């Protein structure tokens, strides 16, 4: 089966996807489409993001759906509103010449508007678990007649804590339905869901975590936390004309990195869960149109953002899960193009890096942060790359507008133009020290506990508080394994003081299992946010209770720090 015309799909569907430029099915589509068209069994399909899963399940279902019925026949559940909107948009495009209505329901948007659209009797619902539950509770959704249920990116939904919601929704659907579970990985939770809610499913697997794209070059750079932003700037400057995503661990880190880049003149923006839906849509539109060429994002926020021309992926912070590393990196090197994945590694993260290498079998080569001279050389190459490859938007000058340049040789003219183009960057790096860090390779034994403690203190900015540390006993504070360190979204600009933090923590941890007061460790208040340490047994109290509290009318949020 080499062409979509051989899939036995209806002419209306073939016409629609033909207009979208679909010619040959992807591997997941080759295996899934004929199975769904001809088999009544449930299905588990394992495939990475970006392999064409939406078309794989929706095209055969659209071919079989009853367009004369106004009951909901297909429910697609997915983890994020971005992916929800993308799937809904794709299905609408595929069913362009059919009498099929698709409605997307997701959080962050008016539930009243969505309830109004449900009154138009759509046959297909694409939704996020939380909003679907809300609409079930309001009696606005009835799944008693659905024929097909799709769990898309099931692993991500479960990792985001949607297990209870999924089970509630599944219990609202008829046993006679056909269930298709699509996932990038088959972890224990996904396996449990499949055993409980799928009946003797057929399995299709396309690729695996160890099947890494061969056209991606993987690099890592060792740098202390306090030098990370400067190192990031150098990597961007040393790789001109890039179109990239920078991945961060937390929402606060994402916004902080994006702000740093924008303040330094880069066409960048942030994508994370604290943005409204309108803001997220605006950022994603700017990125797809290449009005910005650097997107700083969390893993969850980047779900549903599908672009095929990324040149680089930069891991500002390493993920804990090796599979997440593969998913991130796999966003570059698409459509047959080469890609580069770069990771900024703190010295104490050598073991985490080795775990990623071992689990993924990826060859990740150590590189050094570029020097100023290397950056300027790369920038010169970038100017000529643009000059020689980008001709579409060039303005045709009338020769009479060009002044007499006969006094310049070709070399002199090129030199003057490059100086004009790169003067500011050259001056910036002229007196800058090079960022050189200790190699990680085979050096774990030489990296002493004292060095780890020193780097950890430095990375957290503790040297600014050494005077206060001495007041507490004369030595810098060592990491306490019984403590959990938190990011806190308020800081000096919010007029936050240590006494305020103590009061907030005490209120958040009151009434714990042991009824005792939580032990509180270091408190560090910075300009825009803060850090604090709390006894490990009170971790869940802090995470759950602070979200519902306010400080001087402002919402509070705490996240476990790196």
Protein backbone atom coordinates (compact mmCIF):
# COMPACT_ATOMS: atom_id res chain seq x y z
CA UNK A 1 0.00 0.00 0.00
CA UNK A 2 1.97 2.99 -1.29
CA UNK A 3 -0.77 5.55 -1.90
CA UNK A 4 -3.86 6.74 -0.01
CA UNK A 5 -5.91 5.77 -3.07
CA UNK A 6 -5.25 2.13 -2.14
CA UNK A 7 -6.76 2.45 1.35
CA UNK A 8 -10.39 2.00 0.18
CA UNK A 9 -11.35 5.31 1.82
CA UNK A 10 -14.33 7.18 0.38
CA UNK A 11 -13.87 9.63 -2.52
CA UNK A 12 -14.91 12.55 -0.30
CA UNK A 13 -12.11 11.79 2.18
CA UNK A 14 -9.54 11.18 -0.57
CA UNK A 15 -10.45 14.49 -2.19
CA UNK A 16 -10.05 16.37 1.11
CA UNK A 17 -6.69 14.85 2.03
CA UNK A 18 -5.49 15.22 -1.55
CA UNK A 19 -6.06 18.97 -1.27
CA UNK A 20 -4.02 18.90 1.95
CA UNK A 21 -1.10 17.38 0.03
CA UNK A 22 -1.36 13.85 1.47
CA UNK A 23 0.09 11.36 -1.01
CA UNK A 24 1.54 8.33 0.76
CA UNK A 25 0.56 7.06 4.22
CA UNK A 26 3.06 7.08 7.07
CA UNK A 27 3.97 3.76 8.66
CA UNK A 28 1.41 4.11 11.48
CA UNK A 29 -1.26 4.99 8.89
CA UNK A 30 -0.34 2.01 6.69
CA UNK A 31 -0.93 -0.37 9.58
CA UNK A 32 -3.82 1.35 11.40
CA UNK A 33 -6.19 2.43 8.62
CA UNK A 34 -6.88 -1.05 7.17
CA UNK A 35 -7.17 -2.55 10.66
CA UNK A 36 -9.84 -0.05 11.82
CA UNK A 37 -11.73 -0.41 8.52
CA UNK A 38 -11.93 -4.20 8.76
CA UNK A 39 -11.64 -5.29 12.43
CA UNK A 40 -13.89 -4.84 15.46
CA UNK A 41 -11.19 -5.45 18.08
CA UNK A 42 -9.74 -2.79 20.35
CA UNK A 43 -6.33 -1.41 19.43
CA UNK A 44 -3.13 -0.32 21.16
CA UNK A 45 -0.93 1.71 18.81
CA UNK A 46 2.53 2.75 19.96
CA UNK A 47 4.06 5.57 17.92
CA UNK A 48 6.03 8.72 18.58
CA UNK A 49 4.63 12.26 18.33
CA UNK A 50 4.59 13.60 14.78
CA UNK A 51 4.05 10.27 12.99
CA UNK A 52 0.55 11.02 11.66
CA UNK A 53 -1.56 9.43 14.39
CA UNK A 54 -4.56 11.75 13.94
CA UNK A 55 -5.07 10.71 10.33
CA UNK A 56 -4.37 7.09 11.29
CA UNK A 57 -7.44 6.84 13.51
CA UNK A 58 -9.74 9.57 12.16
CA UNK A 59 -9.72 8.75 8.43
CA UNK A 60 -11.11 5.20 8.76
CA UNK A 61 -13.61 6.30 11.43
CA UNK A 62 -14.83 9.16 9.21
CA UNK A 63 -15.28 6.60 6.46
CA UNK A 64 -17.62 4.54 8.69
CA UNK A 65 -19.44 7.23 10.67
CA UNK A 66 -23.20 7.65 10.20
CA UNK A 67 -23.64 11.22 8.96
CA UNK A 68 -27.44 10.90 9.13
CA UNK A 69 -27.32 10.48 12.92
CA UNK A 70 -26.89 13.51 15.19
CA UNK A 71 -25.63 11.49 18.16
CA UNK A 72 -22.03 11.53 19.37
CA UNK A 73 -20.31 8.58 17.71
CA UNK A 74 -16.61 9.34 18.27
CA UNK A 75 -14.90 10.70 21.39
CA UNK A 76 -11.20 11.63 21.23
CA UNK A 77 -9.49 12.39 24.55
CA UNK A 78 -6.10 14.14 24.59
CA UNK A 79 -3.91 15.79 27.26
CA UNK A 80 -3.74 19.48 26.28
CA UNK A 81 -5.95 22.10 24.72
CA UNK A 82 -3.34 22.74 22.01
CA UNK A 83 -3.47 19.11 20.92
CA UNK A 84 -7.26 19.14 21.27
CA UNK A 85 -7.53 22.10 18.90
CA UNK A 86 -5.03 20.58 16.47
CA UNK A 87 -6.88 17.25 16.30
CA UNK A 88 -10.22 19.00 15.90
CA UNK A 89 -8.84 21.17 13.10
CA UNK A 90 -7.37 18.14 11.31
CA UNK A 91 -10.63 16.16 11.52
CA UNK A 92 -12.59 19.14 10.18
CA UNK A 93 -10.17 19.34 7.24
CA UNK A 94 -10.48 15.61 6.54
CA UNK A 95 -14.31 15.77 6.64
CA UNK A 96 -14.53 18.93 4.52
CA UNK A 97 -16.83 17.29 1.94
CA UNK A 98 -18.92 15.34 4.46
CA UNK A 99 -21.92 16.30 6.60
CA UNK A 100 -19.94 15.80 9.80
CA UNK A 101 -19.71 18.21 12.71
CA UNK A 102 -16.76 18.18 15.13
CA UNK A 103 -16.65 20.10 18.42
CA UNK A 104 -13.57 20.70 20.60
CA UNK A 105 -14.07 21.04 24.36
CA UNK A 106 -11.17 22.09 26.59
CA UNK A 107 -10.32 24.16 29.64
CA UNK A 108 -9.23 27.79 29.53
CA UNK A 109 -12.13 28.79 27.32
CA UNK A 110 -15.81 29.62 27.92
CA UNK A 111 -17.73 26.50 28.93
CA UNK A 112 -20.96 28.33 28.07
CA UNK A 113 -19.82 28.76 24.46
CA UNK A 114 -18.86 25.11 24.28
CA UNK A 115 -22.23 24.03 25.70
CA UNK A 116 -23.91 26.17 23.05
CA UNK A 117 -21.93 24.45 20.28
CA UNK A 118 -22.90 21.03 21.68
CA UNK A 119 -26.56 21.90 21.06
CA UNK A 120 -25.77 21.71 17.33
CA UNK A 121 -25.50 17.92 17.78
CA UNK A 122 -21.93 17.10 16.67
CA UNK A 123 -21.06 13.51 15.82
CA UNK A 124 -17.44 13.93 17.00
CA UNK A 125 -16.13 15.31 20.29
CA UNK A 126 -12.45 16.08 20.83
CA UNK A 127 -11.74 17.03 24.43
CA UNK A 128 -9.40 17.27 27.39
CA UNK A 129 -10.36 15.06 30.36
CA UNK A 130 -11.07 17.86 32.84
CA UNK A 131 -13.46 19.77 30.59
CA UNK A 132 -15.20 16.58 29.45
CA UNK A 133 -15.88 15.71 33.12
CA UNK A 134 -17.28 19.24 33.71
CA UNK A 135 -19.64 18.86 30.75
CA UNK A 136 -20.73 15.37 31.84
CA UNK A 137 -21.57 16.77 35.30
CA UNK A 138 -23.63 19.53 33.64
CA UNK A 139 -25.53 16.91 31.61
CA UNK A 140 -24.24 18.54 28.42
CA UNK A 141 -22.53 15.40 27.05
CA UNK A 142 -24.07 11.99 26.45
CA UNK A 143 -21.74 9.20 25.37
CA UNK A 144 -24.28 6.39 25.55
CA UNK A 145 -24.27 5.95 21.76
CA UNK A 146 -20.58 6.29 20.91
CA UNK A 147 -19.05 3.62 18.68
CA UNK A 148 -15.40 4.66 18.97
CA UNK A 149 -13.25 6.02 21.80
CA UNK A 150 -9.71 7.24 21.12
CA UNK A 151 -7.22 7.87 23.94
CA UNK A 152 -4.53 9.94 22.23
CA UNK A 153 -1.17 10.39 23.98
CA UNK A 154 -2.46 8.22 26.82
CA UNK A 155 0.93 8.20 28.55
CA UNK A 156 0.95 11.99 28.72
CA UNK A 157 -2.61 12.16 30.07
CA UNK A 158 -1.70 9.77 32.86
CA UNK A 159 1.58 11.55 33.67
CA UNK A 160 -0.41 14.79 34.01
CA UNK A 161 -2.63 13.19 36.66
CA UNK A 162 -5.76 12.47 34.61
CA UNK A 163 -6.08 8.84 35.75
CA UNK A 164 -9.29 9.38 37.78
CA UNK A 165 -10.85 11.54 35.06
CA UNK A 166 -10.10 8.93 32.40
CA UNK A 167 -11.65 6.16 34.43
CA UNK A 168 -14.75 8.27 35.14
CA UNK A 169 -15.20 9.07 31.44
CA UNK A 170 -14.61 5.46 30.41
CA UNK A 171 -17.30 4.35 32.85
CA UNK A 172 -19.76 6.67 31.06
CA UNK A 173 -19.29 4.92 27.71
CA UNK A 174 -20.99 1.72 26.46
CA UNK A 175 -19.14 -1.59 26.68
CA UNK A 176 -19.88 -2.25 23.02
CA UNK A 177 -17.68 0.59 21.80
CA UNK A 178 -14.33 0.06 20.07
CA UNK A 179 -11.41 1.64 21.98
CA UNK A 180 -8.15 2.79 20.39
CA UNK A 181 -5.27 3.68 22.70
CA UNK A 182 -2.45 5.69 21.12
CA UNK A 183 0.69 6.26 23.16
CA UNK A 184 4.37 7.03 22.69
CA UNK A 185 5.29 4.66 25.53
CA UNK A 186 3.78 1.68 27.33
CA UNK A 187 4.40 2.41 31.00
CA UNK A 188 2.71 0.65 33.94
CA UNK A 189 -0.23 3.06 34.15
CA UNK A 190 -0.96 2.80 30.43
CA UNK A 191 -0.72 -0.99 30.70
CA UNK A 192 -3.18 -0.97 33.62
CA UNK A 193 -5.68 1.22 31.76
CA UNK A 194 -5.43 -1.05 28.73
CA UNK A 195 -6.03 -4.20 30.81
CA UNK A 196 -9.03 -2.70 32.60
CA UNK A 197 -10.76 -1.01 29.69
CA UNK A 198 -9.65 -2.71 26.45
CA UNK A 199 -10.73 -6.20 25.39
CA UNK A 200 -8.05 -8.45 23.88
CA UNK A 201 -6.57 -5.53 21.94
CA UNK A 202 -4.56 -5.87 18.76
CA UNK A 203 -1.15 -4.17 19.01
CA UNK A 204 0.63 -2.04 16.45
CA UNK A 205 4.08 -0.65 17.22
CA UNK A 206 5.89 1.80 14.99
CA UNK A 207 9.42 2.53 16.16
CA UNK A 208 10.52 2.59 19.80
CA UNK A 209 12.39 4.73 22.27
CA UNK A 210 15.65 3.12 21.19
CA UNK A 211 14.97 3.79 17.53
CA UNK A 212 16.48 7.26 17.52
CA UNK A 213 16.51 9.40 14.40
CA UNK A 214 19.85 9.08 12.64
CA UNK A 215 19.76 12.61 11.25
CA UNK A 216 19.95 14.34 14.66
CA UNK A 217 23.31 15.31 16.13
CA UNK A 218 23.29 15.22 19.95
CA UNK A 219 25.59 17.47 21.97
CA UNK A 220 25.97 18.44 25.61
CA UNK A 221 27.72 21.35 27.31
CA UNK A 222 28.83 21.41 30.95
CA UNK A 223 28.05 24.68 32.70
CA UNK A 224 27.19 25.83 36.23
CA UNK A 225 23.64 27.00 36.90
CA UNK A 226 24.58 30.67 37.33
CA UNK A 227 26.26 30.65 33.91
CA UNK A 228 23.45 28.84 32.12
CA UNK A 229 21.79 31.88 30.55
CA UNK A 230 25.09 33.28 29.29
CA UNK A 231 25.97 29.83 27.92
CA UNK A 232 22.56 29.66 26.20
CA UNK A 233 23.16 33.06 24.60
CA UNK A 234 26.52 31.85 23.28
CA UNK A 235 25.00 28.68 21.82
CA UNK A 236 22.35 30.72 20.03
CA UNK A 237 24.92 33.22 18.72
CA UNK A 238 27.21 30.39 17.58
CA UNK A 239 24.35 28.81 15.59
CA UNK A 240 22.92 31.69 13.53
CA UNK A 241 19.72 31.46 11.48
CA UNK A 242 18.29 28.83 13.78
CA UNK A 243 14.60 28.02 14.29
CA UNK A 244 14.47 26.34 17.67
CA UNK A 245 12.61 25.26 20.79
CA UNK A 246 14.30 25.63 24.19
CA UNK A 247 12.85 23.23 26.77
CA UNK A 248 12.68 24.13 30.48
CA UNK A 249 11.42 22.18 33.50
CA UNK A 250 9.04 24.68 35.12
CA UNK A 251 6.75 27.50 34.08
CA UNK A 252 8.78 30.03 36.05
CA UNK A 253 12.06 28.95 34.48
CA UNK A 254 10.45 29.09 31.04
CA UNK A 255 9.28 32.67 31.50
CA UNK A 256 12.58 33.72 33.06
CA UNK A 257 14.63 32.33 30.15
CA UNK A 258 12.28 33.87 27.56
CA UNK A 259 12.48 37.26 29.30
CA UNK A 260 16.29 37.05 29.31
CA UNK A 261 16.39 36.33 25.57
CA UNK A 262 13.90 39.06 24.67
CA UNK A 263 15.79 41.59 26.81
CA UNK A 264 18.91 40.66 24.85
CA UNK A 265 17.25 41.33 21.53
CA UNK A 266 16.30 37.84 20.36
CA UNK A 267 13.02 37.12 18.55
CA UNK A 268 11.80 34.78 21.30
CA UNK A 269 8.70 34.11 23.41
CA UNK A 270 7.47 31.77 26.13
CA UNK A 271 4.85 29.00 26.02
CA UNK A 272 3.67 27.56 29.35
CA UNK A 273 0.59 26.81 31.43
CA UNK A 274 0.30 30.24 33.07
CA UNK A 275 -0.65 31.87 29.77
CA UNK A 276 -4.29 32.32 28.81
CA UNK A 277 -5.59 30.43 25.79
CA UNK A 278 -5.54 33.61 23.70
CA UNK A 279 -1.92 34.27 24.68
CA UNK A 280 -0.91 30.69 23.86
CA UNK A 281 -2.64 30.87 20.47
CA UNK A 282 -0.84 34.14 19.70
CA UNK A 283 2.58 32.75 20.65
CA UNK A 284 2.09 29.56 18.62
CA UNK A 285 0.87 31.52 15.60
CA UNK A 286 3.93 33.80 15.76
CA UNK A 287 6.21 30.77 15.97
CA UNK A 288 4.56 28.89 13.10
CA UNK A 289 4.76 32.03 10.93
CA UNK A 290 8.42 32.47 12.02
CA UNK A 291 7.73 35.95 13.36
CA UNK A 292 9.72 34.60 16.29
CA UNK A 293 12.42 32.01 15.73
CA UNK A 294 13.03 30.87 19.31
CA UNK A 295 10.29 29.34 21.46
CA UNK A 296 10.96 28.68 25.16
CA UNK A 297 8.51 26.03 26.40
CA UNK A 298 7.66 23.41 28.98
CA UNK A 299 7.19 19.84 27.74
CA UNK A 300 3.44 19.88 28.34
CA UNK A 301 2.84 23.25 26.64
CA UNK A 302 4.73 22.15 23.52
CA UNK A 303 2.36 19.20 23.00
CA UNK A 304 0.18 19.88 19.97
CA UNK A 305 2.73 22.25 18.43
CA UNK A 306 3.70 20.49 15.22
CA UNK A 307 6.35 22.14 13.03
CA UNK A 308 8.60 20.35 10.57
CA UNK A 309 11.46 22.80 10.05
CA UNK A 310 13.10 23.12 13.48
CA UNK A 311 16.87 23.31 13.16
CA UNK A 312 17.67 22.97 16.88
CA UNK A 313 16.24 21.68 20.14
CA UNK A 314 17.97 23.00 23.27
CA UNK A 315 17.49 21.31 26.65
CA UNK A 316 18.01 24.21 29.05
CA UNK A 317 17.22 21.71 31.82
CA UNK A 318 17.55 17.94 31.52
CA UNK A 319 14.29 15.99 31.90
CA UNK A 320 14.08 13.21 34.49
CA UNK A 321 12.62 10.73 32.00
CA UNK A 322 14.90 9.53 29.16
CA UNK A 323 11.84 9.13 26.93
CA UNK A 324 11.06 12.82 27.33
CA UNK A 325 14.58 13.57 26.12
CA UNK A 326 13.88 11.53 22.98
CA UNK A 327 10.51 13.21 22.42
CA UNK A 328 12.03 16.67 22.78
CA UNK A 329 14.96 15.93 20.48
CA UNK A 330 12.68 14.32 17.91
CA UNK A 331 11.01 17.62 17.18
CA UNK A 332 14.03 18.55 15.06
CA UNK A 333 15.35 16.52 12.15
CA UNK A 334 11.91 16.10 10.56
CA UNK A 335 10.88 15.92 6.91
CA UNK A 336 14.27 14.43 5.99
CA UNK A 337 16.25 17.40 7.28
CA UNK A 338 19.17 17.28 9.68
CA UNK A 339 18.71 18.54 13.23
CA UNK A 340 20.80 19.36 16.29
CA UNK A 341 19.90 18.60 19.91
CA UNK A 342 21.90 20.50 22.56
CA UNK A 343 21.78 19.96 26.32
CA UNK A 344 23.12 22.28 29.02
CA UNK A 345 24.40 20.03 31.82
CA UNK A 346 25.24 21.09 35.37
CA UNK A 347 28.39 19.35 36.69
CA UNK A 348 26.39 17.31 39.21
CA UNK A 349 24.06 15.96 36.50
CA UNK A 350 26.62 13.53 35.07
CA UNK A 351 24.77 10.47 36.38
CA UNK A 352 21.45 11.67 34.97
CA UNK A 353 23.13 12.17 31.59
CA UNK A 354 24.60 8.66 31.74
CA UNK A 355 21.15 7.24 32.52
CA UNK A 356 19.73 8.99 29.46
CA UNK A 357 22.55 7.68 27.29
CA UNK A 358 22.11 4.16 28.61
CA UNK A 359 18.31 4.08 28.26
CA UNK A 360 18.16 5.65 24.81
CA UNK A 361 21.42 4.34 23.29
CA UNK A 362 21.95 7.84 21.94
CA UNK A 363 25.51 9.00 21.33
CA UNK A 364 25.64 12.41 23.01
CA UNK A 365 28.97 14.11 22.42
CA UNK A 366 30.53 16.61 24.79
CA UNK A 367 31.25 20.05 23.36
CA UNK A 368 32.61 23.22 24.92
CA UNK A 369 30.79 26.55 25.15
CA UNK A 370 31.93 28.58 22.10
CA UNK A 371 34.48 31.35 22.59
CA UNK A 372 33.91 34.89 21.36
CA UNK A 373 36.15 34.33 18.32
CA UNK A 374 34.28 31.13 17.40
CA UNK A 375 30.96 32.95 17.68
CA UNK A 376 32.02 35.80 15.40
CA UNK A 377 33.34 33.30 12.85
CA UNK A 378 30.00 31.45 12.96
CA UNK A 379 28.11 34.74 12.59
CA UNK A 380 30.12 35.63 9.48
CA UNK A 381 29.18 32.25 8.03
CA UNK A 382 25.55 32.92 8.97
CA UNK A 383 25.52 36.22 7.09
CA UNK A 384 26.78 34.54 3.93
CA UNK A 385 24.37 31.62 4.39
CA UNK A 386 21.45 34.05 4.38
CA UNK A 387 22.94 36.07 1.54
CA UNK A 388 23.40 33.06 -0.70
CA UNK A 389 20.19 31.14 0.11
CA UNK A 390 17.42 33.67 0.82
CA UNK A 391 16.35 35.37 -2.39
CA UNK A 392 12.54 35.39 -2.08
CA UNK A 393 12.12 38.72 -0.30
CA UNK A 394 15.04 40.63 -1.82
CA UNK A 395 14.23 44.14 -3.02
CA UNK A 396 15.34 44.90 -6.56
CA UNK A 397 17.41 48.09 -6.36
CA UNK A 398 17.67 50.42 -9.31
CA UNK A 399 21.38 50.71 -10.10
CA UNK A 400 21.07 54.50 -9.97
CA UNK A 401 20.29 54.26 -6.24
CA UNK A 402 23.59 52.53 -5.46
CA UNK A 403 26.46 54.96 -4.77
CA UNK A 404 29.81 54.72 -6.55
CA UNK A 405 31.76 51.95 -4.83
CA UNK A 406 34.70 51.86 -7.22
CA UNK A 407 37.08 53.03 -4.49
CA UNK A 408 36.50 49.73 -2.65
CA UNK A 409 37.84 46.36 -3.65
CA UNK A 410 35.43 43.45 -3.31
CA UNK A 411 37.25 42.28 -0.17
CA UNK A 412 37.18 45.76 1.40
CA UNK A 413 33.47 46.10 0.73
CA UNK A 414 32.71 42.72 2.27
CA UNK A 415 34.84 43.60 5.30
CA UNK A 416 33.03 46.93 5.81
CA UNK A 417 29.59 45.35 5.50
CA UNK A 418 30.46 42.59 7.98
CA UNK A 419 31.82 45.13 10.45
CA UNK A 420 28.58 47.09 10.13
CA UNK A 421 26.48 43.95 10.57
CA UNK A 422 28.40 42.35 13.45
CA UNK A 423 29.92 45.33 15.29
CA UNK A 424 27.65 45.14 18.38
CA UNK A 425 28.11 41.40 18.79
CA UNK A 426 31.88 41.65 18.38
CA UNK A 427 32.08 44.40 21.00
CA UNK A 428 29.95 42.33 23.39
CA UNK A 429 32.32 39.36 23.23
CA UNK A 430 35.54 41.36 23.00
CA UNK A 431 36.20 41.51 26.75
CA UNK A 432 34.09 38.52 27.82
CA UNK A 433 35.77 35.60 29.54
CA UNK A 434 35.34 32.20 27.95
CA UNK A 435 33.03 29.75 29.75
CA UNK A 436 35.09 26.63 30.38
CA UNK A 437 33.76 23.83 32.60
CA UNK A 438 35.28 20.59 33.83
CA UNK A 439 34.76 17.64 31.47
CA UNK A 440 32.37 14.99 32.73
CA UNK A 441 33.72 12.04 30.78
CA UNK A 442 35.21 9.46 33.13
CA UNK A 443 35.61 12.04 35.88
CA UNK A 444 32.94 11.04 38.39
CA UNK A 445 35.46 9.66 40.84
CA UNK A 446 37.52 12.86 40.71
CA UNK A 447 34.49 15.01 41.33
CA UNK A 448 34.60 15.08 45.12
CA UNK A 449 31.79 15.60 47.58
CA UNK A 450 33.32 18.91 48.53
CA UNK A 451 33.23 20.01 44.86
CA UNK A 452 29.61 18.87 44.51
CA UNK A 453 28.59 20.83 47.59
CA UNK A 454 30.46 23.90 46.41
CA UNK A 455 28.85 23.80 42.95
CA UNK A 456 25.42 23.14 44.42
CA UNK A 457 25.74 26.17 46.69
CA UNK A 458 27.02 28.26 43.83
CA UNK A 459 24.27 27.13 41.46
CA UNK A 460 21.61 28.17 43.94
CA UNK A 461 23.10 31.60 44.38
CA UNK A 462 23.87 30.91 48.03
CA UNK A 463 27.07 32.95 47.92
CA UNK A 464 24.90 36.06 48.13
CA UNK A 465 23.66 34.89 51.51
CA UNK A 466 26.94 33.77 53.07
CA UNK A 467 26.81 36.55 55.64
CA UNK A 468 23.42 35.31 56.78
CA UNK A 469 24.66 31.72 56.70
CA UNK A 470 27.49 32.68 59.06
CA UNK A 471 24.94 34.21 61.42
CA UNK A 472 23.27 30.79 61.53
CA UNK A 473 26.47 28.96 62.39
CA UNK A 474 29.39 30.01 60.25
CA UNK A 475 29.24 27.44 57.38
CA UNK A 476 27.30 27.35 54.12
CA UNK A 477 24.21 25.17 54.42
CA UNK A 478 24.51 21.68 52.97
CA UNK A 479 21.63 19.98 51.18
CA UNK A 480 19.43 18.06 53.63
CA UNK A 481 17.99 14.87 52.15
CA UNK A 482 14.98 15.22 54.49
CA UNK A 483 14.05 18.53 52.88
CA UNK A 484 12.23 19.37 49.65
CA UNK A 485 13.17 22.58 47.85
CA UNK A 486 10.38 24.60 46.20
CA UNK A 487 10.12 27.34 43.61
CA UNK A 488 7.69 30.03 44.80
CA UNK A 489 6.21 32.48 42.29
CA UNK A 490 6.45 35.64 44.45
CA UNK A 491 9.54 37.66 45.32
CA UNK A 492 10.88 41.05 46.39
CA UNK A 493 8.84 42.88 43.77
CA UNK A 494 5.73 41.54 45.54
CA UNK A 495 7.05 42.92 48.87
CA UNK A 496 7.56 39.38 50.14
CA UNK A 497 9.62 38.98 53.31
CA UNK A 498 10.95 35.92 55.15
CA UNK A 499 8.38 36.29 57.90
CA UNK A 500 5.68 36.19 55.21
CA UNK A 501 7.13 32.97 53.78
CA UNK A 502 7.27 31.39 57.24
CA UNK A 503 3.63 32.29 57.81
CA UNK A 504 2.60 30.93 54.39
CA UNK A 505 4.44 27.63 54.97
CA UNK A 506 2.98 27.21 58.45
CA UNK A 507 -0.56 27.75 57.15
CA UNK A 508 0.00 25.40 54.19
CA UNK A 509 1.36 22.61 56.41
CA UNK A 510 -1.05 22.97 59.30
CA UNK A 511 -3.07 19.84 60.05
CA UNK A 512 -0.59 17.41 58.53
CA UNK A 513 -0.74 13.69 59.29
CA UNK A 514 1.46 13.98 62.36
CA UNK A 515 -0.14 17.22 63.63
CA UNK A 516 3.36 18.58 64.23
CA UNK A 517 4.77 21.76 62.74
CA UNK A 518 6.81 21.29 59.59
CA UNK A 519 10.54 21.85 59.81
CA UNK A 520 11.51 24.75 57.56
CA UNK A 521 14.95 25.03 55.96
CA UNK A 522 16.55 27.75 53.86
CA UNK A 523 14.44 30.61 52.52
CA UNK A 524 15.83 32.61 49.60
CA UNK A 525 13.84 35.61 48.33
CA UNK A 526 14.88 36.87 44.88
CA UNK A 527 13.51 39.71 42.78
CA UNK A 528 10.73 37.91 40.87
CA UNK A 529 10.45 34.61 42.74
CA UNK A 530 11.78 32.74 45.75
CA UNK A 531 12.98 29.36 47.01
CA UNK A 532 12.26 27.65 50.31
CA UNK A 533 12.87 24.26 51.90
CA UNK A 534 10.29 22.25 53.84
CA UNK A 535 10.43 18.88 55.56
CA UNK A 536 9.87 16.15 52.96
CA UNK A 537 6.83 14.61 54.69
CA UNK A 538 4.93 17.91 54.16
CA UNK A 539 5.61 18.08 50.40
CA UNK A 540 2.03 17.26 49.34
CA UNK A 541 0.57 19.74 51.85
CA UNK A 542 2.65 22.54 50.35
CA UNK A 543 1.82 21.61 46.75
CA UNK A 544 -1.93 21.28 47.32
CA UNK A 545 -2.61 24.05 49.85
CA UNK A 546 -0.52 26.98 48.62
CA UNK A 547 -2.38 27.01 45.30
CA UNK A 548 -5.60 28.00 47.08
CA UNK A 549 -4.00 30.79 49.15
CA UNK A 550 -3.37 34.43 48.29
CA UNK A 551 -0.71 36.95 49.33
CA UNK A 552 -1.86 40.58 49.23
CA UNK A 553 -4.48 39.59 46.65
CA UNK A 554 -2.05 37.69 44.44
CA UNK A 555 -2.32 34.01 43.54
CA UNK A 556 0.43 31.83 44.97
CA UNK A 557 2.02 28.78 43.36
CA UNK A 558 4.77 26.43 44.54
CA UNK A 559 6.57 23.79 42.46
CA UNK A 560 9.25 21.32 43.43
CA UNK A 561 12.56 22.88 42.38
CA UNK A 562 15.27 21.16 40.35
